[in-house]
PDB file of all heavy atoms in Angstrom:
ATOM      1  N   LYS A   1     356.681 -32.662 103.813  1.00  0.00           N
ATOM      2  CA  LYS A   1     356.397 -33.772 102.914  1.00  0.00           C
ATOM      3  C   LYS A   1     355.535 -34.843 103.581  1.00  0.00           C
ATOM      4  O   LYS A   1     354.882 -35.617 102.906  1.00  0.00           O
ATOM      5  CB  LYS A   1     357.694 -34.412 102.418  1.00  0.00           C
ATOM      6  CG  LYS A   1     358.486 -33.501 101.510  1.00  0.00           C
ATOM      7  CD  LYS A   1     359.729 -34.193 101.026  1.00  0.00           C
ATOM      8  CE  LYS A   1     360.536 -33.275 100.130  1.00  0.00           C
ATOM      9  NZ  LYS A   1     361.733 -33.927  99.618  1.00  0.00           N
ATOM     10  N   ILE A   2     355.533 -34.876 104.902  1.00  0.00           N
ATOM     11  CA  ILE A   2     354.753 -35.872 105.621  1.00  0.00           C
ATOM     12  C   ILE A   2     353.281 -35.506 105.537  1.00  0.00           C
ATOM     13  O   ILE A   2     352.884 -34.420 105.931  1.00  0.00           O
ATOM     14  CB  ILE A   2     355.182 -35.962 107.099  1.00  0.00           C
ATOM     15  CG1 ILE A   2     356.630 -36.421 107.208  1.00  0.00           C
ATOM     16  CG2 ILE A   2     354.263 -36.919 107.853  1.00  0.00           C
ATOM     17  CD1 ILE A   2     357.144 -36.421 108.630  1.00  0.00           C
ATOM     18  N   LYS A   3     352.489 -36.410 104.976  1.00  0.00           N
ATOM     19  CA  LYS A   3     351.057 -36.165 104.847  1.00  0.00           C
ATOM     20  C   LYS A   3     350.245 -37.106 105.721  1.00  0.00           C
ATOM     21  O   LYS A   3     349.129 -36.787 106.089  1.00  0.00           O
ATOM     22  CB  LYS A   3     350.633 -36.309 103.395  1.00  0.00           C
ATOM     23  CG  LYS A   3     351.235 -35.256 102.495  1.00  0.00           C
ATOM     24  CD  LYS A   3     350.755 -35.399 101.083  1.00  0.00           C
ATOM     25  CE  LYS A   3     351.428 -34.333 100.224  1.00  0.00           C
ATOM     26  NZ  LYS A   3     351.009 -34.408  98.841  1.00  0.00           N
ATOM     27  N   TYR A   4     350.819 -38.255 106.046  1.00  0.00           N
ATOM     28  CA  TYR A   4     350.125 -39.258 106.839  1.00  0.00           C
ATOM     29  C   TYR A   4     351.068 -39.827 107.894  1.00  0.00           C
ATOM     30  O   TYR A   4     352.272 -39.899 107.690  1.00  0.00           O
ATOM     31  CB  TYR A   4     349.632 -40.411 105.962  1.00  0.00           C
ATOM     32  CG  TYR A   4     348.574 -39.987 104.985  1.00  0.00           C
ATOM     33  CD1 TYR A   4     348.902 -39.618 103.692  1.00  0.00           C
ATOM     34  CD2 TYR A   4     347.234 -39.958 105.361  1.00  0.00           C
ATOM     35  CE1 TYR A   4     347.931 -39.211 102.787  1.00  0.00           C
ATOM     36  CE2 TYR A   4     346.251 -39.562 104.465  1.00  0.00           C
ATOM     37  CZ  TYR A   4     346.605 -39.187 103.186  1.00  0.00           C
ATOM     38  OH  TYR A   4     345.642 -38.795 102.310  1.00  0.00           O
ATOM     39  N   LEU A   5     350.483 -40.236 109.015  1.00  0.00           N
ATOM     40  CA  LEU A   5     351.238 -40.870 110.086  1.00  0.00           C
ATOM     41  C   LEU A   5     350.776 -42.309 110.257  1.00  0.00           C
ATOM     42  O   LEU A   5     349.608 -42.626 110.028  1.00  0.00           O
ATOM     43  CB  LEU A   5     351.001 -40.143 111.413  1.00  0.00           C
ATOM     44  CG  LEU A   5     351.483 -38.717 111.531  1.00  0.00           C
ATOM     45  CD1 LEU A   5     350.953 -38.105 112.825  1.00  0.00           C
ATOM     46  CD2 LEU A   5     352.985 -38.660 111.503  1.00  0.00           C
ATOM     47  N   ARG A   6     351.688 -43.148 110.693  1.00  0.00           N
ATOM     48  CA  ARG A   6     351.312 -44.507 111.084  1.00  0.00           C
ATOM     49  C   ARG A   6     350.673 -44.441 112.469  1.00  0.00           C
ATOM     50  O   ARG A   6     350.849 -43.465 113.207  1.00  0.00           O
ATOM     51  CB  ARG A   6     352.541 -45.406 111.147  1.00  0.00           C
ATOM     52  CG  ARG A   6     353.226 -45.573 109.801  1.00  0.00           C
ATOM     53  CD  ARG A   6     354.473 -46.390 109.920  1.00  0.00           C
ATOM     54  NE  ARG A   6     355.404 -45.691 110.810  1.00  0.00           N
ATOM     55  CZ  ARG A   6     356.461 -46.247 111.382  1.00  0.00           C
ATOM     56  NH1 ARG A   6     356.728 -47.507 111.186  1.00  0.00           N
ATOM     57  NH2 ARG A   6     357.244 -45.553 112.164  1.00  0.00           N
ATOM     58  N   ILE A   7     349.949 -45.458 112.831  1.00  0.00           N
ATOM     59  CA  ILE A   7     349.333 -45.517 114.152  1.00  0.00           C
ATOM     60  C   ILE A   7     350.402 -45.388 115.232  1.00  0.00           C
ATOM     61  O   ILE A   7     350.220 -44.665 116.214  1.00  0.00           O
ATOM     62  CB  ILE A   7     348.521 -46.815 114.321  1.00  0.00           C
ATOM     63  CG1 ILE A   7     347.251 -46.752 113.472  1.00  0.00           C
ATOM     64  CG2 ILE A   7     348.184 -47.077 115.782  1.00  0.00           C
ATOM     65  CD1 ILE A   7     346.414 -48.004 113.505  1.00  0.00           C
ATOM     66  N   LYS A   8     351.515 -46.047 115.041  1.00  0.00           N
ATOM     67  CA  LYS A   8     352.607 -46.001 116.017  1.00  0.00           C
ATOM     68  C   LYS A   8     353.093 -44.570 116.236  1.00  0.00           C
ATOM     69  O   LYS A   8     353.308 -44.143 117.373  1.00  0.00           O
ATOM     70  CB  LYS A   8     353.760 -46.877 115.519  1.00  0.00           C
ATOM     71  CG  LYS A   8     354.964 -46.859 116.406  1.00  0.00           C
ATOM     72  CD  LYS A   8     356.081 -47.702 115.825  1.00  0.00           C
ATOM     73  CE  LYS A   8     357.321 -47.597 116.676  1.00  0.00           C
ATOM     74  NZ  LYS A   8     358.431 -48.354 116.102  1.00  0.00           N
ATOM     75  N   ASP A   9     353.269 -43.813 115.152  1.00  0.00           N
ATOM     76  CA  ASP A   9     353.748 -42.434 115.268  1.00  0.00           C
ATOM     77  C   ASP A   9     352.732 -41.542 115.974  1.00  0.00           C
ATOM     78  O   ASP A   9     353.080 -40.727 116.820  1.00  0.00           O
ATOM     79  CB  ASP A   9     354.069 -41.859 113.885  1.00  0.00           C
ATOM     80  CG  ASP A   9     355.208 -42.607 113.209  1.00  0.00           C
ATOM     81  OD1 ASP A   9     356.061 -43.171 113.928  1.00  0.00           O
ATOM     82  OD2 ASP A   9     355.231 -42.633 111.973  1.00  0.00           O
ATOM     83  N   PHE A  10     351.459 -41.700 115.624  1.00  0.00           N
ATOM     84  CA  PHE A  10     350.390 -40.927 116.269  1.00  0.00           C
ATOM     85  C   PHE A  10     350.348 -41.248 117.762  1.00  0.00           C
ATOM     86  O   PHE A  10     350.224 -40.346 118.594  1.00  0.00           O
ATOM     87  CB  PHE A  10     349.048 -41.238 115.604  1.00  0.00           C
ATOM     88  CG  PHE A  10     347.941 -40.308 115.998  1.00  0.00           C
ATOM     89  CD1 PHE A  10     347.723 -39.133 115.298  1.00  0.00           C
ATOM     90  CD2 PHE A  10     347.109 -40.611 117.061  1.00  0.00           C
ATOM     91  CE1 PHE A  10     346.682 -38.269 115.652  1.00  0.00           C
ATOM     92  CE2 PHE A  10     346.069 -39.761 117.425  1.00  0.00           C
ATOM     93  CZ  PHE A  10     345.862 -38.589 116.723  1.00  0.00           C
ATOM     94  N   ALA A  11     350.473 -42.518 118.096  1.00  0.00           N
ATOM     95  CA  ALA A  11     350.453 -42.945 119.504  1.00  0.00           C
ATOM     96  C   ALA A  11     351.617 -42.322 120.276  1.00  0.00           C
ATOM     97  O   ALA A  11     351.444 -41.890 121.423  1.00  0.00           O
ATOM     98  CB  ALA A  11     350.503 -44.470 119.586  1.00  0.00           C
ATOM     99  N   GLU A  12     352.776 -42.254 119.676  1.00  0.00           N
ATOM    100  CA  GLU A  12     353.942 -41.663 120.336  1.00  0.00           C
ATOM    101  C   GLU A  12     353.734 -40.176 120.609  1.00  0.00           C
ATOM    102  O   GLU A  12     354.121 -39.684 121.667  1.00  0.00           O
ATOM    103  CB  GLU A  12     355.199 -41.865 119.494  1.00  0.00           C
ATOM    104  CG  GLU A  12     355.726 -43.271 119.511  1.00  0.00           C
ATOM    105  CD  GLU A  12     356.952 -43.453 118.634  1.00  0.00           C
ATOM    106  OE1 GLU A  12     357.502 -42.450 118.143  1.00  0.00           O
ATOM    107  OE2 GLU A  12     357.355 -44.609 118.452  1.00  0.00           O
ATOM    108  N   ILE A  13     353.130 -39.470 119.685  1.00  0.00           N
ATOM    109  CA  ILE A  13     352.903 -38.034 119.857  1.00  0.00           C
ATOM    110  C   ILE A  13     352.040 -37.771 121.088  1.00  0.00           C
ATOM    111  O   ILE A  13     352.318 -36.861 121.872  1.00  0.00           O
ATOM    112  CB  ILE A  13     352.249 -37.426 118.594  1.00  0.00           C
ATOM    113  CG1 ILE A  13     353.246 -37.433 117.441  1.00  0.00           C
ATOM    114  CG2 ILE A  13     351.740 -36.010 118.868  1.00  0.00           C
ATOM    115  CD1 ILE A  13     352.648 -37.075 116.097  1.00  0.00           C
ATOM    116  N   PHE A  14     351.003 -38.579 121.281  1.00  0.00           N
ATOM    117  CA  PHE A  14     350.060 -38.357 122.376  1.00  0.00           C
ATOM    118  C   PHE A  14     350.298 -39.277 123.574  1.00  0.00           C
ATOM    119  O   PHE A  14     349.501 -39.292 124.513  1.00  0.00           O
ATOM    120  CB  PHE A  14     348.625 -38.516 121.871  1.00  0.00           C
ATOM    121  CG  PHE A  14     348.214 -37.400 120.966  1.00  0.00           C
ATOM    122  CD1 PHE A  14     348.222 -37.576 119.591  1.00  0.00           C
ATOM    123  CD2 PHE A  14     347.876 -36.158 121.469  1.00  0.00           C
ATOM    124  CE1 PHE A  14     347.868 -36.550 118.742  1.00  0.00           C
ATOM    125  CE2 PHE A  14     347.520 -35.121 120.635  1.00  0.00           C
ATOM    126  CZ  PHE A  14     347.521 -35.311 119.267  1.00  0.00           C
ATOM    127  N   ASN A  15     351.385 -40.024 123.539  1.00  0.00           N
ATOM    128  CA  ASN A  15     351.734 -40.938 124.625  1.00  0.00           C
ATOM    129  C   ASN A  15     350.594 -41.923 124.905  1.00  0.00           C
ATOM    130  O   ASN A  15     350.181 -42.124 126.044  1.00  0.00           O
ATOM    131  CB  ASN A  15     352.110 -40.160 125.892  1.00  0.00           C
ATOM    132  CG  ASN A  15     352.883 -41.010 126.868  1.00  0.00           C
ATOM    133  OD1 ASN A  15     353.536 -41.975 126.482  1.00  0.00           O
ATOM    134  ND2 ASN A  15     352.804 -40.675 128.138  1.00  0.00           N
ATOM    135  N   LEU A  16     350.071 -42.498 123.840  1.00  0.00           N
ATOM    136  CA  LEU A  16     349.007 -43.495 123.913  1.00  0.00           C
ATOM    137  C   LEU A  16     349.541 -44.841 123.450  1.00  0.00           C
ATOM    138  O   LEU A  16     350.561 -44.915 122.762  1.00  0.00           O
ATOM    139  CB  LEU A  16     347.838 -43.103 122.995  1.00  0.00           C
ATOM    140  CG  LEU A  16     347.115 -41.799 123.294  1.00  0.00           C
ATOM    141  CD1 LEU A  16     346.162 -41.464 122.159  1.00  0.00           C
ATOM    142  CD2 LEU A  16     346.373 -41.898 124.610  1.00  0.00           C
ATOM    143  N   HIS A  17     348.842 -45.891 123.788  1.00  0.00           N
ATOM    144  CA  HIS A  17     349.182 -47.214 123.272  1.00  0.00           C
ATOM    145  C   HIS A  17     348.633 -47.333 121.853  1.00  0.00           C
ATOM    146  O   HIS A  17     347.595 -46.743 121.529  1.00  0.00           O
ATOM    147  CB  HIS A  17     348.566 -48.285 124.178  1.00  0.00           C
ATOM    148  CG  HIS A  17     349.093 -49.653 123.912  1.00  0.00           C
ATOM    149  ND1 HIS A  17     348.582 -50.450 122.914  1.00  0.00           N
ATOM    150  CD2 HIS A  17     350.100 -50.350 124.473  1.00  0.00           C
ATOM    151  CE1 HIS A  17     349.243 -51.597 122.888  1.00  0.00           C
ATOM    152  NE2 HIS A  17     350.169 -51.557 123.837  1.00  0.00           N
ATOM    153  N   LYS A  18     349.309 -48.101 121.010  1.00  0.00           N
ATOM    154  CA  LYS A  18     348.861 -48.283 119.626  1.00  0.00           C
ATOM    155  C   LYS A  18     347.444 -48.845 119.564  1.00  0.00           C
ATOM    156  O   LYS A  18     346.650 -48.447 118.716  1.00  0.00           O
ATOM    157  CB  LYS A  18     349.821 -49.209 118.866  1.00  0.00           C
ATOM    158  CG  LYS A  18     351.195 -48.644 118.676  1.00  0.00           C
ATOM    159  CD  LYS A  18     352.081 -49.551 117.863  1.00  0.00           C
ATOM    160  CE  LYS A  18     352.256 -50.893 118.505  1.00  0.00           C
ATOM    161  NZ  LYS A  18     353.171 -51.782 117.785  1.00  0.00           N
ATOM    162  N   GLN A  19     347.120 -49.748 120.458  1.00  0.00           N
ATOM    163  CA  GLN A  19     345.781 -50.340 120.464  1.00  0.00           C
ATOM    164  C   GLN A  19     344.724 -49.293 120.790  1.00  0.00           C
ATOM    165  O   GLN A  19     343.625 -49.318 120.236  1.00  0.00           O
ATOM    166  CB  GLN A  19     345.711 -51.503 121.471  1.00  0.00           C
ATOM    167  CG  GLN A  19     344.418 -52.265 121.398  1.00  0.00           C
ATOM    168  CD  GLN A  19     344.187 -52.926 120.048  1.00  0.00           C
ATOM    169  OE1 GLN A  19     345.113 -53.400 119.406  1.00  0.00           O
ATOM    170  NE2 GLN A  19     342.950 -52.942 119.598  1.00  0.00           N
ATOM    171  N   THR A  20     345.053 -48.356 121.663  1.00  0.00           N
ATOM    172  CA  THR A  20     344.118 -47.279 122.002  1.00  0.00           C
ATOM    173  C   THR A  20     343.814 -46.438 120.772  1.00  0.00           C
ATOM    174  O   THR A  20     342.660 -46.089 120.512  1.00  0.00           O
ATOM    175  CB  THR A  20     344.702 -46.387 123.115  1.00  0.00           C
ATOM    176  OG1 THR A  20     344.968 -47.200 124.264  1.00  0.00           O
ATOM    177  CG2 THR A  20     343.761 -45.263 123.492  1.00  0.00           C
ATOM    178  N   VAL A  21     344.842 -46.123 119.993  1.00  0.00           N
ATOM    179  CA  VAL A  21     344.651 -45.345 118.770  1.00  0.00           C
ATOM    180  C   VAL A  21     343.780 -46.133 117.790  1.00  0.00           C
ATOM    181  O   VAL A  21     342.879 -45.575 117.164  1.00  0.00           O
ATOM    182  CB  VAL A  21     345.999 -44.951 118.134  1.00  0.00           C
ATOM    183  CG1 VAL A  21     345.795 -44.239 116.807  1.00  0.00           C
ATOM    184  CG2 VAL A  21     346.801 -44.078 119.087  1.00  0.00           C
ATOM    185  N   SER A  22     344.017 -47.426 117.677  1.00  0.00           N
ATOM    186  CA  SER A  22     343.207 -48.267 116.788  1.00  0.00           C
ATOM    187  C   SER A  22     341.736 -48.246 117.188  1.00  0.00           C
ATOM    188  O   SER A  22     340.849 -48.153 116.337  1.00  0.00           O
ATOM    189  CB  SER A  22     343.717 -49.708 116.805  1.00  0.00           C
ATOM    190  OG  SER A  22     345.012 -49.777 116.281  1.00  0.00           O
ATOM    191  N   VAL A  23     341.474 -48.316 118.479  1.00  0.00           N
ATOM    192  CA  VAL A  23     340.093 -48.272 118.971  1.00  0.00           C
ATOM    193  C   VAL A  23     339.467 -46.915 118.655  1.00  0.00           C
ATOM    194  O   VAL A  23     338.322 -46.841 118.204  1.00  0.00           O
ATOM    195  CB  VAL A  23     340.046 -48.565 120.491  1.00  0.00           C
ATOM    196  CG1 VAL A  23     338.667 -48.274 121.063  1.00  0.00           C
ATOM    197  CG2 VAL A  23     340.442 -50.005 120.761  1.00  0.00           C
ATOM    198  N   LEU A  24     340.211 -45.832 118.864  1.00  0.00           N
ATOM    199  CA  LEU A  24     339.700 -44.489 118.574  1.00  0.00           C
ATOM    200  C   LEU A  24     339.384 -44.326 117.087  1.00  0.00           C
ATOM    201  O   LEU A  24     338.411 -43.667 116.723  1.00  0.00           O
ATOM    202  CB  LEU A  24     340.695 -43.428 119.034  1.00  0.00           C
ATOM    203  CG  LEU A  24     340.859 -43.294 120.552  1.00  0.00           C
ATOM    204  CD1 LEU A  24     342.036 -42.384 120.889  1.00  0.00           C
ATOM    205  CD2 LEU A  24     339.576 -42.784 121.178  1.00  0.00           C
ATOM    206  N   ILE A  25     340.167 -44.957 116.239  1.00  0.00           N
ATOM    207  CA  ILE A  25     339.895 -44.918 114.797  1.00  0.00           C
ATOM    208  C   ILE A  25     338.589 -45.653 114.497  1.00  0.00           C
ATOM    209  O   ILE A  25     337.721 -45.148 113.791  1.00  0.00           O
ATOM    210  CB  ILE A  25     341.067 -45.524 113.992  1.00  0.00           C
ATOM    211  CG1 ILE A  25     342.281 -44.595 114.050  1.00  0.00           C
ATOM    212  CG2 ILE A  25     340.659 -45.780 112.541  1.00  0.00           C
ATOM    213  CD1 ILE A  25     343.561 -45.200 113.494  1.00  0.00           C
ATOM    214  N   ARG A  26     338.448 -46.854 115.050  1.00  0.00           N
ATOM    215  CA  ARG A  26     337.231 -47.641 114.812  1.00  0.00           C
ATOM    216  C   ARG A  26     335.986 -46.946 115.360  1.00  0.00           C
ATOM    217  O   ARG A  26     334.901 -47.080 114.802  1.00  0.00           O
ATOM    218  CB  ARG A  26     337.372 -49.039 115.406  1.00  0.00           C
ATOM    219  CG  ARG A  26     338.293 -49.931 114.597  1.00  0.00           C
ATOM    220  CD  ARG A  26     338.155 -51.385 114.990  1.00  0.00           C
ATOM    221  NE  ARG A  26     338.423 -51.667 116.381  1.00  0.00           N
ATOM    222  CZ  ARG A  26     339.633 -51.874 116.916  1.00  0.00           C
ATOM    223  NH1 ARG A  26     340.703 -51.825 116.144  1.00  0.00           N
ATOM    224  NH2 ARG A  26     339.776 -52.142 118.192  1.00  0.00           N
ATOM    225  N   GLU A  27     336.132 -46.203 116.447  1.00  0.00           N
ATOM    226  CA  GLU A  27     334.996 -45.473 117.032  1.00  0.00           C
ATOM    227  C   GLU A  27     334.702 -44.177 116.286  1.00  0.00           C
ATOM    228  O   GLU A  27     333.727 -43.506 116.578  1.00  0.00           O
ATOM    229  CB  GLU A  27     335.271 -45.162 118.503  1.00  0.00           C
ATOM    230  CG  GLU A  27     335.256 -46.373 119.387  1.00  0.00           C
ATOM    231  CD  GLU A  27     335.611 -46.068 120.829  1.00  0.00           C
ATOM    232  OE1 GLU A  27     336.058 -44.931 121.130  1.00  0.00           O
ATOM    233  OE2 GLU A  27     335.447 -46.960 121.671  1.00  0.00           O
ATOM    234  N   GLY A  28     335.583 -43.794 115.358  1.00  0.00           N
ATOM    235  CA  GLY A  28     335.377 -42.573 114.587  1.00  0.00           C
ATOM    236  C   GLY A  28     335.866 -41.310 115.272  1.00  0.00           C
ATOM    237  O   GLY A  28     335.581 -40.206 114.820  1.00  0.00           O
ATOM    238  N   LYS A  29     336.615 -41.453 116.349  1.00  0.00           N
ATOM    239  CA  LYS A  29     337.122 -40.286 117.076  1.00  0.00           C
ATOM    240  C   LYS A  29     338.416 -39.748 116.472  1.00  0.00           C
ATOM    241  O   LYS A  29     338.802 -38.620 116.759  1.00  0.00           O
ATOM    242  CB  LYS A  29     337.318 -40.641 118.547  1.00  0.00           C
ATOM    243  CG  LYS A  29     335.988 -40.958 119.227  1.00  0.00           C
ATOM    244  CD  LYS A  29     336.159 -41.314 120.673  1.00  0.00           C
ATOM    245  CE  LYS A  29     334.797 -41.641 121.279  1.00  0.00           C
ATOM    246  NZ  LYS A  29     334.902 -42.065 122.659  1.00  0.00           N
ATOM    247  N   ILE A  30     339.072 -40.569 115.669  1.00  0.00           N
ATOM    248  CA  ILE A  30     340.253 -40.145 114.912  1.00  0.00           C
ATOM    249  C   ILE A  30     339.987 -40.513 113.454  1.00  0.00           C
ATOM    250  O   ILE A  30     339.629 -41.663 113.157  1.00  0.00           O
ATOM    251  CB  ILE A  30     341.540 -40.853 115.399  1.00  0.00           C
ATOM    252  CG1 ILE A  30     341.845 -40.467 116.848  1.00  0.00           C
ATOM    253  CG2 ILE A  30     342.721 -40.519 114.498  1.00  0.00           C
ATOM    254  CD1 ILE A  30     343.032 -41.211 117.442  1.00  0.00           C
ATOM    255  N   ASN A  31     340.156 -39.560 112.570  1.00  0.00           N
ATOM    256  CA  ASN A  31     339.991 -39.824 111.143  1.00  0.00           C
ATOM    257  C   ASN A  31     341.226 -40.541 110.620  1.00  0.00           C
ATOM    258  O   ASN A  31     342.353 -40.140 110.926  1.00  0.00           O
ATOM    259  CB  ASN A  31     339.786 -38.522 110.373  1.00  0.00           C
ATOM    260  CG  ASN A  31     338.495 -37.841 110.757  1.00  0.00           C
ATOM    261  OD1 ASN A  31     337.492 -38.497 110.995  1.00  0.00           O
ATOM    262  ND2 ASN A  31     338.516 -36.528 110.814  1.00  0.00           N
ATOM    263  N   ALA A  32     341.019 -41.579 109.837  1.00  0.00           N
ATOM    264  CA  ALA A  32     342.122 -42.338 109.270  1.00  0.00           C
ATOM    265  C   ALA A  32     341.698 -42.954 107.944  1.00  0.00           C
ATOM    266  O   ALA A  32     340.506 -43.070 107.652  1.00  0.00           O
ATOM    267  CB  ALA A  32     342.574 -43.427 110.236  1.00  0.00           C
ATOM    268  N   VAL A  33     342.692 -43.347 107.168  1.00  0.00           N
ATOM    269  CA  VAL A  33     342.467 -43.952 105.864  1.00  0.00           C
ATOM    270  C   VAL A  33     343.046 -45.361 105.902  1.00  0.00           C
ATOM    271  O   VAL A  33     344.199 -45.548 106.279  1.00  0.00           O
ATOM    272  CB  VAL A  33     343.162 -43.134 104.751  1.00  0.00           C
ATOM    273  CG1 VAL A  33     342.978 -43.795 103.407  1.00  0.00           C
ATOM    274  CG2 VAL A  33     342.664 -41.707 104.749  1.00  0.00           C
ATOM    275  N   LYS A  34     342.231 -46.337 105.516  1.00  0.00           N
ATOM    276  CA  LYS A  34     342.726 -47.711 105.466  1.00  0.00           C
ATOM    277  C   LYS A  34     343.398 -47.923 104.118  1.00  0.00           C
ATOM    278  O   LYS A  34     342.838 -47.597 103.072  1.00  0.00           O
ATOM    279  CB  LYS A  34     341.582 -48.699 105.649  1.00  0.00           C
ATOM    280  CG  LYS A  34     342.047 -50.114 105.834  1.00  0.00           C
ATOM    281  CD  LYS A  34     340.912 -50.997 106.285  1.00  0.00           C
ATOM    282  CE  LYS A  34     341.449 -52.363 106.614  1.00  0.00           C
ATOM    283  NZ  LYS A  34     340.407 -53.235 107.128  1.00  0.00           N
ATOM    284  N   ILE A  35     344.589 -48.462 104.143  1.00  0.00           N
ATOM    285  CA  ILE A  35     345.336 -48.700 102.917  1.00  0.00           C
ATOM    286  C   ILE A  35     344.756 -49.926 102.221  1.00  0.00           C
ATOM    287  O   ILE A  35     344.604 -50.986 102.825  1.00  0.00           O
ATOM    288  CB  ILE A  35     346.833 -48.885 103.206  1.00  0.00           C
ATOM    289  CG1 ILE A  35     347.377 -47.595 103.816  1.00  0.00           C
ATOM    290  CG2 ILE A  35     347.597 -49.257 101.948  1.00  0.00           C
ATOM    291  CD1 ILE A  35     348.820 -47.659 104.203  1.00  0.00           C
ATOM    292  N   TYR A  36     344.413 -49.742 100.961  1.00  0.00           N
ATOM    293  CA  TYR A  36     343.767 -50.782 100.168  1.00  0.00           C
ATOM    294  C   TYR A  36     344.604 -52.060 100.155  1.00  0.00           C
ATOM    295  O   TYR A  36     345.802 -52.037  99.906  1.00  0.00           O
ATOM    296  CB  TYR A  36     343.561 -50.286  98.736  1.00  0.00           C
ATOM    297  CG  TYR A  36     342.881 -51.287  97.842  1.00  0.00           C
ATOM    298  CD1 TYR A  36     341.520 -51.545  97.977  1.00  0.00           C
ATOM    299  CD2 TYR A  36     343.600 -51.987  96.887  1.00  0.00           C
ATOM    300  CE1 TYR A  36     340.888 -52.466  97.165  1.00  0.00           C
ATOM    301  CE2 TYR A  36     342.983 -52.917  96.073  1.00  0.00           C
ATOM    302  CZ  TYR A  36     341.626 -53.148  96.218  1.00  0.00           C
ATOM    303  OH  TYR A  36     341.009 -54.065  95.420  1.00  0.00           O
ATOM    304  N   GLY A  37     343.952 -53.172 100.429  1.00  0.00           N
ATOM    305  CA  GLY A  37     344.596 -54.480 100.349  1.00  0.00           C
ATOM    306  C   GLY A  37     345.411 -54.855 101.578  1.00  0.00           C
ATOM    307  O   GLY A  37     346.059 -55.892 101.593  1.00  0.00           O
ATOM    308  N   THR A  38     345.376 -54.023 102.621  1.00  0.00           N
ATOM    309  CA  THR A  38     346.122 -54.340 103.836  1.00  0.00           C
ATOM    310  C   THR A  38     345.242 -54.063 105.049  1.00  0.00           C
ATOM    311  O   THR A  38     344.115 -53.603 104.929  1.00  0.00           O
ATOM    312  CB  THR A  38     347.409 -53.486 103.970  1.00  0.00           C
ATOM    313  OG1 THR A  38     347.032 -52.134 104.229  1.00  0.00           O
ATOM    314  CG2 THR A  38     348.261 -53.564 102.724  1.00  0.00           C
ATOM    315  N   THR A  39     345.800 -54.313 106.212  1.00  0.00           N
ATOM    316  CA  THR A  39     345.109 -53.965 107.450  1.00  0.00           C
ATOM    317  C   THR A  39     345.658 -52.669 108.037  1.00  0.00           C
ATOM    318  O   THR A  39     345.250 -52.268 109.117  1.00  0.00           O
ATOM    319  CB  THR A  39     345.262 -55.097 108.491  1.00  0.00           C
ATOM    320  OG1 THR A  39     346.643 -55.303 108.744  1.00  0.00           O
ATOM    321  CG2 THR A  39     344.609 -56.371 107.996  1.00  0.00           C
TER     322      THR A  39
END
């Protein structure tokens, strides 16, 4: 049933910091979807 992960969950899987995952998303190295009306 899980279709999407939060940044925190993705970071835990790969033993990364949440900020590192955020940077990878902004650089386009990780595909992600921004939730409308939020950050």
